[in-house]
Protein backbone atom coordinates (compact mmCIF):
# COMPACT_ATOMS: atom_id res chain seq x y z
CA MET A 1 -13.58 -8.97 4.41
CA ALA A 2 -17.19 -7.99 3.84
CA THR A 3 -17.87 -4.44 2.77
CA PRO A 4 -20.32 -2.50 4.97
CA SER A 5 -23.50 -1.34 3.26
CA ALA A 6 -23.45 2.20 1.93
CA GLY A 7 -26.06 3.34 4.45
CA ILE A 8 -23.67 3.17 7.37
CA PHE A 9 -21.01 5.46 5.94
CA LEU A 10 -22.75 8.75 6.72
CA PRO A 11 -23.38 7.73 10.35
CA ILE A 12 -19.69 6.79 10.65
CA VAL A 13 -18.69 10.25 9.45
CA ALA A 14 -21.31 11.89 11.67
CA ILE A 15 -19.97 10.05 14.73
CA ALA A 16 -16.41 10.98 13.80
CA LEU A 17 -17.39 14.63 13.49
CA ALA A 18 -19.29 14.55 16.77
CA VAL A 19 -16.29 13.09 18.55
CA GLY A 20 -14.14 15.64 16.76
CA ARG A 21 -16.09 18.50 18.25
CA LEU A 22 -15.30 17.14 21.70
CA LEU A 23 -11.61 17.07 20.75
CA ALA A 24 -11.56 20.49 19.12
CA GLU A 25 -9.31 22.20 21.63
CA PRO A 26 -7.39 19.52 23.53
CA THR A 27 -4.30 20.25 25.55
CA GLU A 28 -1.08 18.80 24.23
CA PRO A 29 -1.04 15.86 26.69
CA MET A 30 -4.69 15.14 25.85
CA LEU A 31 -3.90 15.26 22.14
CA ILE A 32 -1.11 12.72 22.50
CA THR A 33 -3.31 10.45 24.63
CA GLN A 34 -6.08 10.62 22.05
CA ALA A 35 -3.62 9.85 19.25
CA GLN A 36 -2.28 6.86 21.15
CA ALA A 37 -5.83 5.50 21.39
CA MET A 38 -6.46 5.81 17.65
CA PHE A 39 -3.11 4.94 16.07
CA ARG A 40 -0.27 2.47 16.56
CA PRO A 41 3.41 2.92 15.73
CA VAL A 42 4.93 0.77 13.01
CA PRO A 43 6.53 -2.11 14.91
CA TYR A 44 10.11 -3.22 14.50
CA GLY A 45 10.60 -6.75 13.27
CA ILE A 46 8.82 -8.86 10.68
CA PRO A 47 5.12 -9.49 11.39
CA GLU A 48 3.81 -13.05 11.44
CA LEU A 49 2.31 -14.16 8.13
CA LYS A 50 -0.64 -16.49 7.68
CA GLY A 51 0.46 -19.71 6.03
CA ASN A 52 4.02 -18.55 5.40
CA THR A 53 7.06 -18.80 7.64
CA VAL A 54 9.54 -15.98 7.07
CA THR A 55 13.07 -17.35 7.24
CA PRO A 56 16.24 -15.57 6.13
CA GLY A 57 16.56 -17.96 3.18
CA ARG A 58 12.98 -17.42 2.10
CA SER A 59 13.10 -13.62 2.31
CA GLU A 60 16.50 -13.51 0.55
CA LEU A 61 15.05 -15.60 -2.26
CA GLY A 62 12.04 -13.27 -2.44
CA HIS A 63 14.44 -10.31 -2.54
CA MET A 64 16.05 -11.74 -5.67
CA LEU A 65 12.74 -12.57 -7.34
CA PHE A 66 11.41 -9.07 -6.57
CA PHE A 67 14.23 -7.59 -8.66
CA ASP A 68 14.37 -10.22 -11.42
CA PRO A 69 12.87 -8.97 -14.73
CA ARG A 70 13.19 -12.42 -16.30
CA LEU A 71 9.98 -13.40 -14.54
CA SER A 72 8.20 -11.14 -17.03
CA LYS A 73 7.41 -12.12 -20.61
CA SER A 74 9.59 -9.36 -22.05
CA GLY A 75 12.46 -9.85 -19.62
CA VAL A 76 12.26 -6.15 -18.86
CA ILE A 77 9.75 -5.69 -16.01
CA SER A 78 10.17 -6.76 -12.39
CA CYS A 79 8.21 -6.11 -9.20
CA TYR A 80 10.71 -3.33 -8.55
CA THR A 81 9.69 -1.58 -11.78
CA CYS A 82 6.39 -0.45 -10.24
CA HIS A 83 7.53 -0.57 -6.61
CA ASN A 84 10.75 1.41 -6.57
CA LEU A 85 12.15 1.16 -3.06
CA GLY A 86 14.12 4.36 -3.55
CA MET A 87 10.94 6.36 -4.26
CA GLY A 88 8.53 5.39 -1.51
CA GLY A 89 7.75 1.88 -2.75
CA ASP A 90 5.76 2.94 -5.82
CA ASP A 91 6.73 4.33 -9.23
CA ASN A 92 5.57 7.97 -8.95
CA LEU A 93 3.57 7.66 -12.17
CA VAL A 94 -0.13 8.31 -12.77
CA THR A 95 -0.51 4.65 -13.72
CA SER A 96 2.27 2.15 -14.24
CA ILE A 97 3.78 1.27 -17.62
CA GLY A 98 3.79 -2.48 -18.23
CA HIS A 99 4.24 -5.00 -21.00
CA ASP A 100 4.50 -3.55 -24.50
CA TRP A 101 4.29 -0.01 -23.06
CA GLN A 102 0.71 -0.50 -21.93
CA ARG A 103 -0.55 1.64 -19.07
CA GLY A 104 -2.27 -0.03 -16.14
CA PRO A 105 -5.74 1.06 -15.05
CA ARG A 106 -4.84 2.28 -11.55
CA ASN A 107 -2.09 4.06 -9.66
CA SER A 108 0.49 1.70 -8.18
CA PRO A 109 0.14 1.48 -4.37
CA THR A 110 3.27 1.52 -2.23
CA VAL A 111 4.67 -1.84 -1.15
CA LEU A 112 6.08 -0.27 2.03
CA ASN A 113 4.11 -1.41 5.09
CA ALA A 114 1.67 -3.22 2.78
CA VAL A 115 1.89 -6.21 5.11
CA PHE A 116 -0.22 -4.26 7.61
CA ASN A 117 -3.14 -3.77 5.21
CA VAL A 118 -6.27 -5.87 5.63
CA ALA A 119 -6.09 -6.76 1.92
CA GLN A 120 -4.11 -5.81 -1.18
CA PHE A 121 -4.95 -3.76 -4.30
CA TRP A 122 -7.23 -0.72 -4.29
CA ASP A 123 -10.30 -2.96 -4.39
CA GLY A 124 -9.02 -5.46 -1.83
CA ARG A 125 -9.29 -8.42 -4.18
CA ALA A 126 -6.21 -10.15 -2.70
CA GLU A 127 -6.37 -11.11 0.96
CA ASP A 128 -2.61 -10.94 1.53
CA LEU A 129 0.72 -10.36 -0.20
CA LYS A 130 1.17 -13.94 -1.38
CA THR A 131 -2.26 -13.77 -3.01
CA GLN A 132 -1.35 -10.42 -4.54
CA ALA A 133 2.03 -11.40 -5.99
CA PRO A 134 0.74 -13.67 -8.81
CA GLY A 135 -1.54 -10.92 -10.12
CA PRO A 136 1.10 -8.60 -11.64
CA LEU A 137 3.15 -11.58 -12.84
CA GLN A 138 0.22 -12.74 -14.98
CA ALA A 139 -1.56 -9.47 -15.84
CA SER A 140 -1.34 -8.75 -19.57
CA VAL A 141 -0.73 -5.04 -18.92
CA GLU A 142 1.98 -5.71 -16.34
CA MET A 143 4.47 -8.59 -16.53
CA ALA A 144 2.36 -10.67 -18.96
CA SER A 145 3.80 -14.04 -17.95
CA ASP A 146 2.13 -17.23 -16.70
CA PRO A 147 2.90 -19.82 -13.99
CA ALA A 148 4.52 -22.34 -16.33
CA ALA A 149 6.80 -19.72 -17.88
CA VAL A 150 7.88 -18.37 -14.47
CA VAL A 151 8.69 -21.87 -13.21
CA ALA A 152 10.58 -22.66 -16.42
CA VAL A 153 12.83 -19.62 -15.94
CA ILE A 154 13.55 -20.54 -12.32
CA LYS A 155 14.27 -24.20 -13.08
CA SER A 156 16.76 -23.17 -15.75
CA LEU A 157 18.89 -21.40 -13.12
CA PRO A 158 20.67 -23.81 -10.75
CA GLU A 159 21.20 -21.19 -8.05
CA TYR A 160 17.47 -20.50 -7.88
CA VAL A 161 16.70 -24.23 -7.73
CA ARG A 162 19.13 -24.62 -4.83
CA ARG A 163 17.66 -21.67 -2.97
CA PHE A 164 14.10 -22.95 -3.44
CA GLU A 165 15.15 -26.36 -2.14
CA GLU A 166 16.64 -24.73 0.96
CA ALA A 167 13.80 -22.27 1.54
CA PHE A 168 11.04 -24.86 1.01
CA ALA A 169 12.85 -27.95 2.24
CA ASP A 170 9.66 -29.62 3.49
CA ASP A 171 7.95 -29.46 0.08
CA ALA A 172 8.09 -32.45 -2.24
CA GLU A 173 8.36 -30.01 -5.16
CA PRO A 174 10.05 -26.80 -3.93
CA VAL A 175 10.00 -24.89 -7.24
CA THR A 176 6.35 -23.96 -7.74
CA PHE A 177 4.48 -20.82 -8.71
CA ALA A 178 2.85 -20.79 -5.27
CA ASN A 179 6.28 -20.80 -3.63
CA VAL A 180 7.38 -17.93 -5.86
CA ALA A 181 4.51 -15.94 -4.35
CA LYS A 182 5.43 -17.05 -0.81
CA ALA A 183 9.05 -16.01 -1.27
CA ILE A 184 8.09 -12.60 -2.62
CA GLU A 185 5.65 -12.15 0.29
CA ALA A 186 8.41 -13.07 2.76
CA PHE A 187 10.62 -10.33 1.31
CA GLU A 188 7.85 -7.73 1.09
CA ALA A 189 7.01 -8.36 4.76
CA THR A 190 10.43 -6.93 5.61
CA LEU A 191 9.66 -3.63 3.83
CA ILE A 192 8.44 -1.70 6.84
CA THR A 193 9.23 1.88 7.86
CA PRO A 194 9.33 2.32 11.62
CA ASP A 195 10.46 5.28 13.69
CA SER A 196 8.72 8.14 11.91
CA ARG A 197 8.43 11.31 13.95
CA PHE A 198 4.75 10.49 14.45
CA ASP A 199 5.77 7.09 15.83
CA GLN A 200 8.10 8.85 18.22
CA LEU A 201 5.15 10.94 19.40
CA LEU A 202 3.02 7.82 19.88
CA LYS A 203 5.82 6.33 21.98
CA GLY A 204 5.75 9.32 24.29
CA ASP A 205 8.14 11.91 22.84
CA SER A 206 6.06 15.06 23.23
CA LYS A 207 8.65 17.11 21.31
CA ALA A 208 8.66 14.92 18.18
CA LEU A 209 6.19 17.17 16.32
CA SER A 210 6.22 20.93 15.94
CA THR A 211 3.32 23.09 17.10
CA LYS A 212 2.08 23.38 13.52
CA GLU A 213 2.26 19.61 13.01
CA LEU A 214 0.39 19.02 16.25
CA ARG A 215 -2.35 21.36 15.07
CA GLY A 216 -2.49 19.30 11.87
CA LEU A 217 -2.86 16.13 13.93
CA GLN A 218 -5.64 17.82 15.90
CA HIS A 219 -7.50 18.73 12.70
CA PHE A 220 -6.92 15.22 11.34
CA MET A 221 -8.71 13.78 14.35
CA SER A 222 -11.32 16.46 15.00
CA LYS A 223 -12.45 16.83 11.37
CA GLY A 224 -13.13 13.09 11.14
CA CYS A 225 -10.23 11.83 8.98
CA VAL A 226 -9.70 9.08 11.57
CA ALA A 227 -13.02 7.50 10.57
CA CYS A 228 -11.12 5.92 7.65
CA HIS A 229 -7.45 6.46 8.50
CA SER A 230 -6.44 4.94 11.83
CA GLY A 231 -4.45 1.96 13.13
CA VAL A 232 -0.84 1.15 12.31
CA ASN A 233 -1.02 2.18 8.67
CA LEU A 234 -3.43 5.11 9.13
CA GLY A 235 -5.73 3.37 6.68
CA GLY A 236 -5.70 0.17 4.68
CA GLN A 237 -8.10 -1.52 7.10
CA SER A 238 -11.55 -1.12 5.57
CA TYR A 239 -13.52 0.01 2.51
CA PHE A 240 -15.37 3.25 1.89
CA PRO A 241 -17.02 4.98 -1.06
CA PHE A 242 -14.85 7.60 -2.73
CA GLY A 243 -17.43 10.33 -2.39
CA VAL A 244 -19.21 9.60 0.90
CA VAL A 245 -20.73 13.09 0.89
CA ALA A 246 -20.03 14.42 -2.62
CA ALA A 247 -18.58 12.75 -5.71
CA PRO A 248 -15.16 14.16 -6.62
CA ASP A 249 -14.40 15.44 -10.09
CA ALA A 250 -14.72 12.78 -12.80
CA LYS A 251 -11.03 13.13 -13.61
CA VAL A 252 -10.15 12.18 -10.04
CA ARG A 253 -12.78 9.42 -9.83
CA PRO A 254 -13.20 8.14 -13.42
CA PRO A 255 -16.77 6.87 -13.92
CA GLY A 256 -15.55 3.72 -15.66
CA ASP A 257 -13.69 2.44 -12.59
CA ARG A 258 -16.35 1.26 -10.15
CA GLY A 259 -13.89 0.05 -7.55
CA ARG A 260 -14.82 -2.87 -5.34
CA PHE A 261 -17.98 -3.50 -7.37
CA ALA A 262 -15.79 -5.42 -9.85
CA VAL A 263 -14.90 -7.84 -7.03
CA THR A 264 -18.24 -8.28 -5.26
CA LYS A 265 -20.76 -7.40 -8.02
CA THR A 266 -22.75 -5.68 -5.27
CA GLU A 267 -24.34 -2.32 -6.10
CA THR A 268 -23.50 -0.89 -2.69
CA ASP A 269 -19.83 -1.36 -3.60
CA ASN A 270 -19.99 1.10 -6.49
CA TYR A 271 -16.96 3.42 -6.24
CA VAL A 272 -15.91 1.76 -2.99
CA PHE A 273 -12.16 1.45 -2.42
CA ARG A 274 -9.89 0.38 0.40
CA ALA A 275 -8.99 3.43 2.47
CA ALA A 276 -5.50 4.38 1.37
CA PRO A 277 -2.80 3.85 4.01
CA LEU A 278 -1.12 7.17 4.72
CA ARG A 279 2.31 6.01 5.89
CA ASN A 280 5.03 7.69 3.78
CA ILE A 281 2.30 9.59 1.89
CA ALA A 282 4.69 12.50 1.26
CA LEU A 283 6.80 10.15 -0.91
CA THR A 284 4.08 8.55 -3.02
CA ALA A 285 2.53 11.18 -5.29
CA PRO A 286 0.44 11.15 -7.41
CA TYR A 287 -2.58 10.31 -5.28
CA PHE A 288 -5.83 8.33 -5.41
CA HIS A 289 -6.52 5.22 -7.48
CA SER A 290 -6.60 7.39 -10.59
CA GLY A 291 -3.24 9.01 -9.87
CA GLN A 292 -4.61 12.35 -11.04
CA VAL A 293 -3.60 14.55 -8.08
CA TRP A 294 0.06 15.39 -7.62
CA ASP A 295 -0.21 17.95 -4.82
CA LEU A 296 -0.76 16.60 -1.29
CA LYS A 297 -2.56 19.76 -0.23
CA GLU A 298 -5.01 19.33 -3.08
CA ALA A 299 -5.57 15.71 -2.06
CA VAL A 300 -6.33 16.82 1.51
CA ALA A 301 -8.85 19.39 0.25
CA ILE A 302 -10.58 16.79 -1.96
CA MET A 303 -10.85 14.34 0.91
CA GLY A 304 -12.34 17.02 3.13
CA SER A 305 -15.08 17.92 0.68
CA SER A 306 -15.79 14.47 -0.80
CA GLN A 307 -15.52 12.33 2.31
CA LEU A 308 -16.46 14.70 5.14
CA GLY A 309 -18.50 17.41 3.43
CA ALA A 310 -16.14 19.97 4.94
CA THR A 311 -14.59 22.96 3.19
CA LEU A 312 -11.25 23.11 4.94
CA THR A 313 -9.56 26.49 5.30
CA GLU A 314 -6.18 27.07 3.70
CA MET A 315 -4.60 27.05 7.15
CA GLU A 316 -6.25 23.73 8.08
CA ILE A 317 -5.15 22.16 4.79
CA ASP A 318 -1.62 23.43 5.31
CA GLU A 319 -1.46 22.15 8.88
CA ILE A 320 -2.92 18.72 8.04
CA THR A 321 -0.39 18.44 5.22
CA GLU A 322 2.40 19.32 7.63
CA PHE A 323 1.20 16.54 9.95
CA LEU A 324 1.15 14.03 7.08
CA GLN A 325 4.82 14.80 6.44
CA THR A 326 5.61 13.32 9.87
CA LEU A 327 4.39 9.88 8.73
CA THR A 328 7.56 9.27 6.70
CA GLY A 329 9.43 6.49 8.48
CA LYS A 330 12.90 5.03 8.28
CA GLN A 331 13.18 3.67 4.75
CA PRO A 332 14.39 0.08 4.33
CA ALA A 333 18.00 -0.19 3.18
CA VAL A 334 17.72 -2.67 0.31
CA GLN A 335 20.64 -3.58 -1.91
CA ILE A 336 20.23 -4.60 -5.53
CA PRO A 337 20.86 -8.35 -5.46
CA GLN A 338 23.25 -10.26 -7.69
CA LEU A 339 20.97 -12.47 -9.80
CA PRO A 340 21.82 -15.88 -11.30
CA VAL A 341 23.30 -15.83 -14.79
CA GLU A 342 21.22 -17.29 -17.63
CA THR A 343 21.97 -20.78 -18.88
CA ALA A 344 21.50 -22.36 -22.28
CA THR A 345 18.03 -23.55 -21.21
CA THR A 346 16.78 -20.22 -19.86
CA PRO A 347 13.71 -19.12 -21.88
CA ARG A 348 14.41 -16.07 -24.01
CA PRO A 349 12.45 -12.80 -23.70
CA GLN A 350 9.32 -12.58 -25.83
CA PRO A 351 7.83 -9.51 -27.51
């Protein structure tokens, strides 16, 4: 997806603020109608994937691979290490700890509802989940493996070979690195969180949110937050500079991380990042790509000043934060799978 030029961001915010002034004091039915026009509830069921058919066998295989640390060089790190499904789908660390105790450069995004994002990673360098999956497997600061090593582990385990043959029955060679990524994507596509209280409101339950939470929703729309955070995931759909109006503190936006510029090599993409999806945001501290903000209220205040040029009052910050709490959906019930036992030919962990 092409990134808009920097010159259009201020007009986008200006339009959002202008619309916001028209919505400043809506009645409750008007507020719900306006929200229904800007947002969509998380759907039940697995969304359709481009170039990947989600079958029970394929997603079950991906479930096992997601939890299997033997796909890493050390035999210690799995996808689950950085995407803990009991803690909001991330690891609740500033930046993740990977191979040989190295720290990654950015905060780990949640895997929950990631299937609804326009692209993956903070800079959008992967177009979908199957393009994203090979990255951590091979990254030297994460799982530090390589395609040949991953395939060697899988081929040494007869149960995995059988499952790949069943899940990818039409492929001449079922056990491939590309099919590892497809299986993991098929599982991750099931990690959705429907039926939040905000979803209930969008479906017509006018009593789903408290008065204070409704005021927070009103501020969220009228102040212009919806310019970046709308749709199913309340974000994750486009790219914006972090600091549309004013650059945040250097600790929050480290000068060495230029965001999407590293992908496009375009100057207008300096400090441009994919707008963070806000679903389950109350579960996924710390915040921002730097992971330097632990308090959700502080994150709201920073976004107001940096993105909108607005100094939000304490009451507005509190009410917006209360609204964001309603975005926590029904968490997926995922069991730890029983993984195949090593054989004599299974590659041993490496330092």
